[in-house]
Amino acid sequence: MSFGDNLKKIRSDKNISQGDLAKLIEVHATHISRYERNLTSPTIDVAKKIADALEVSTDSLIYGSNDQIISTKINDDELLQLFHKTQFLSQEDINSIKAMLRAFVFQKDIQKQLS
């Protein structure tokens, strides 16, 4: 998602109008509208003011939430769900899963190099 899409979602989730956000960061409401429609991008200083006003990180405005980032990087829904479930396992189990994944990927890399 783009900066504008992320801004609109975060602002809407927090029930803050474009006008209210504009007042908080001392810009005209049309600027917020332009950002959300991806017609223009704010300066770094303005992006920081927006993040502070919305009480989020600038990363979440620029890149989206962690869930959004992860879901765009992992295309397989079943694999994504399995990774989410591993968060509730013990650290020992998580370390075992990591070791198995490293070994599997290493094996595939070696096979690829030998072929």
Protein backbone atom coordinates (compact mmCIF):
# COMPACT_ATOMS: atom_id res chain seq x y z
CA MET A 1 0.00 0.00 0.00
CA SER A 2 1.12 3.56 -0.64
CA PHE A 3 1.68 6.36 1.85
CA GLY A 4 -1.72 7.82 0.98
CA ASP A 5 -3.51 4.50 1.43
CA ASN A 6 -1.78 3.93 4.77
CA LEU A 7 -2.56 7.47 5.92
CA LYS A 8 -6.23 7.14 5.03
CA LYS A 9 -6.56 3.77 6.78
CA ILE A 10 -4.81 4.88 9.96
CA ARG A 11 -6.70 8.19 10.09
CA SER A 12 -10.03 6.45 9.50
CA ASP A 13 -9.29 3.75 12.07
CA LYS A 14 -8.67 6.48 14.62
CA ASN A 15 -11.88 8.34 13.62
CA ILE A 16 -10.00 11.55 12.83
CA SER A 17 -11.31 13.69 9.98
CA GLN A 18 -9.02 15.15 7.34
CA GLY A 19 -9.84 18.60 8.70
CA ASP A 20 -8.98 17.64 12.27
CA LEU A 21 -5.69 16.09 11.20
CA ALA A 22 -4.88 19.17 9.14
CA LYS A 23 -5.47 21.38 12.20
CA LEU A 24 -3.26 19.16 14.34
CA ILE A 25 -0.32 19.49 11.97
CA GLU A 26 -1.12 23.05 10.91
CA VAL A 27 -1.73 22.53 7.18
CA HIS A 28 -4.78 23.04 5.00
CA ALA A 29 -7.17 20.07 4.75
CA THR A 30 -6.63 19.91 0.97
CA HIS A 31 -3.07 18.78 1.65
CA ILE A 32 -4.33 15.77 3.59
CA SER A 33 -6.76 14.98 0.77
CA ARG A 34 -3.96 15.16 -1.80
CA TYR A 35 -1.76 12.87 0.29
CA GLU A 36 -4.55 10.32 0.68
CA ARG A 37 -5.32 10.38 -3.05
CA ASN A 38 -1.61 9.85 -3.78
CA LEU A 39 -1.46 13.06 -5.78
CA THR A 40 1.48 14.36 -3.77
CA SER A 41 3.73 13.25 -0.94
CA PRO A 42 4.55 15.20 2.19
CA THR A 43 8.02 16.31 3.15
CA ILE A 44 9.79 14.24 5.77
CA ASP A 45 9.02 16.90 8.38
CA VAL A 46 5.31 16.84 7.55
CA ALA A 47 5.25 13.02 7.52
CA LYS A 48 6.77 13.08 11.01
CA LYS A 49 4.14 15.58 12.18
CA ILE A 50 1.39 13.36 10.76
CA ALA A 51 2.85 10.28 12.47
CA ASP A 52 3.10 12.12 15.78
CA ALA A 53 -0.46 13.46 15.48
CA LEU A 54 -1.80 9.96 14.71
CA GLU A 55 0.44 8.38 17.37
CA VAL A 56 2.03 5.92 14.93
CA SER A 57 5.51 5.43 13.57
CA THR A 58 6.55 7.02 10.30
CA ASP A 59 7.35 3.48 9.13
CA SER A 60 3.71 2.48 9.46
CA LEU A 61 2.69 5.48 7.34
CA ILE A 62 5.30 4.74 4.69
CA TYR A 63 5.35 0.94 4.64
CA GLY A 64 2.08 -0.05 6.33
CA SER A 65 1.53 -2.24 9.35
CA ASN A 66 3.72 -5.24 10.03
CA ASP A 67 0.86 -7.52 8.98
CA GLN A 68 0.58 -5.70 5.65
CA ILE A 69 4.31 -5.95 5.06
CA ILE A 70 4.41 -9.64 5.93
CA SER A 71 1.37 -10.54 3.85
CA THR A 72 2.90 -8.86 0.78
CA LYS A 73 6.13 -10.80 1.24
CA ILE A 74 4.61 -14.22 1.95
CA ASN A 75 2.22 -15.16 -0.85
CA ASP A 76 1.20 -18.56 0.50
CA ASP A 77 -1.74 -18.08 2.92
CA GLU A 78 -1.24 -21.45 4.63
CA LEU A 79 2.44 -20.73 5.24
CA LEU A 80 1.58 -17.27 6.57
CA GLN A 81 -0.94 -18.78 9.02
CA LEU A 82 1.61 -21.34 10.17
CA PHE A 83 4.13 -18.58 10.84
CA HIS A 84 1.51 -16.67 12.83
CA LYS A 85 0.79 -19.76 14.93
CA THR A 86 4.46 -20.27 15.74
CA GLN A 87 4.41 -17.04 17.75
CA PHE A 88 2.49 -18.87 20.48
CA LEU A 89 5.01 -21.68 20.82
CA SER A 90 7.80 -21.87 23.38
CA GLN A 91 11.15 -20.33 22.49
CA GLU A 92 12.64 -23.81 22.35
CA ASP A 93 10.04 -24.90 19.75
CA ILE A 94 10.60 -21.71 17.76
CA ASN A 95 14.35 -22.36 17.72
CA SER A 96 13.69 -25.92 16.50
CA ILE A 97 11.49 -24.64 13.67
CA LYS A 98 14.16 -22.14 12.65
CA ALA A 99 16.81 -24.88 12.66
CA MET A 100 14.62 -27.13 10.47
CA LEU A 101 13.93 -24.29 8.01
CA ARG A 102 17.61 -23.36 7.81
CA ALA A 103 18.53 -27.02 7.17
CA PHE A 104 15.84 -27.43 4.50
CA VAL A 105 16.81 -24.21 2.70
CA PHE A 106 20.50 -25.14 2.94
CA GLN A 107 19.74 -28.54 1.40
CA LYS A 108 17.81 -26.95 -1.47
CA ASP A 109 20.61 -24.44 -2.06
CA ILE A 110 23.18 -27.26 -2.25
CA GLN A 111 20.98 -29.27 -4.63
CA LYS A 112 20.56 -26.22 -6.83
CA GLN A 113 24.31 -25.61 -6.92
CA LEU A 114 25.03 -29.25 -7.81
CA SER A 115 22.53 -29.43 -10.64
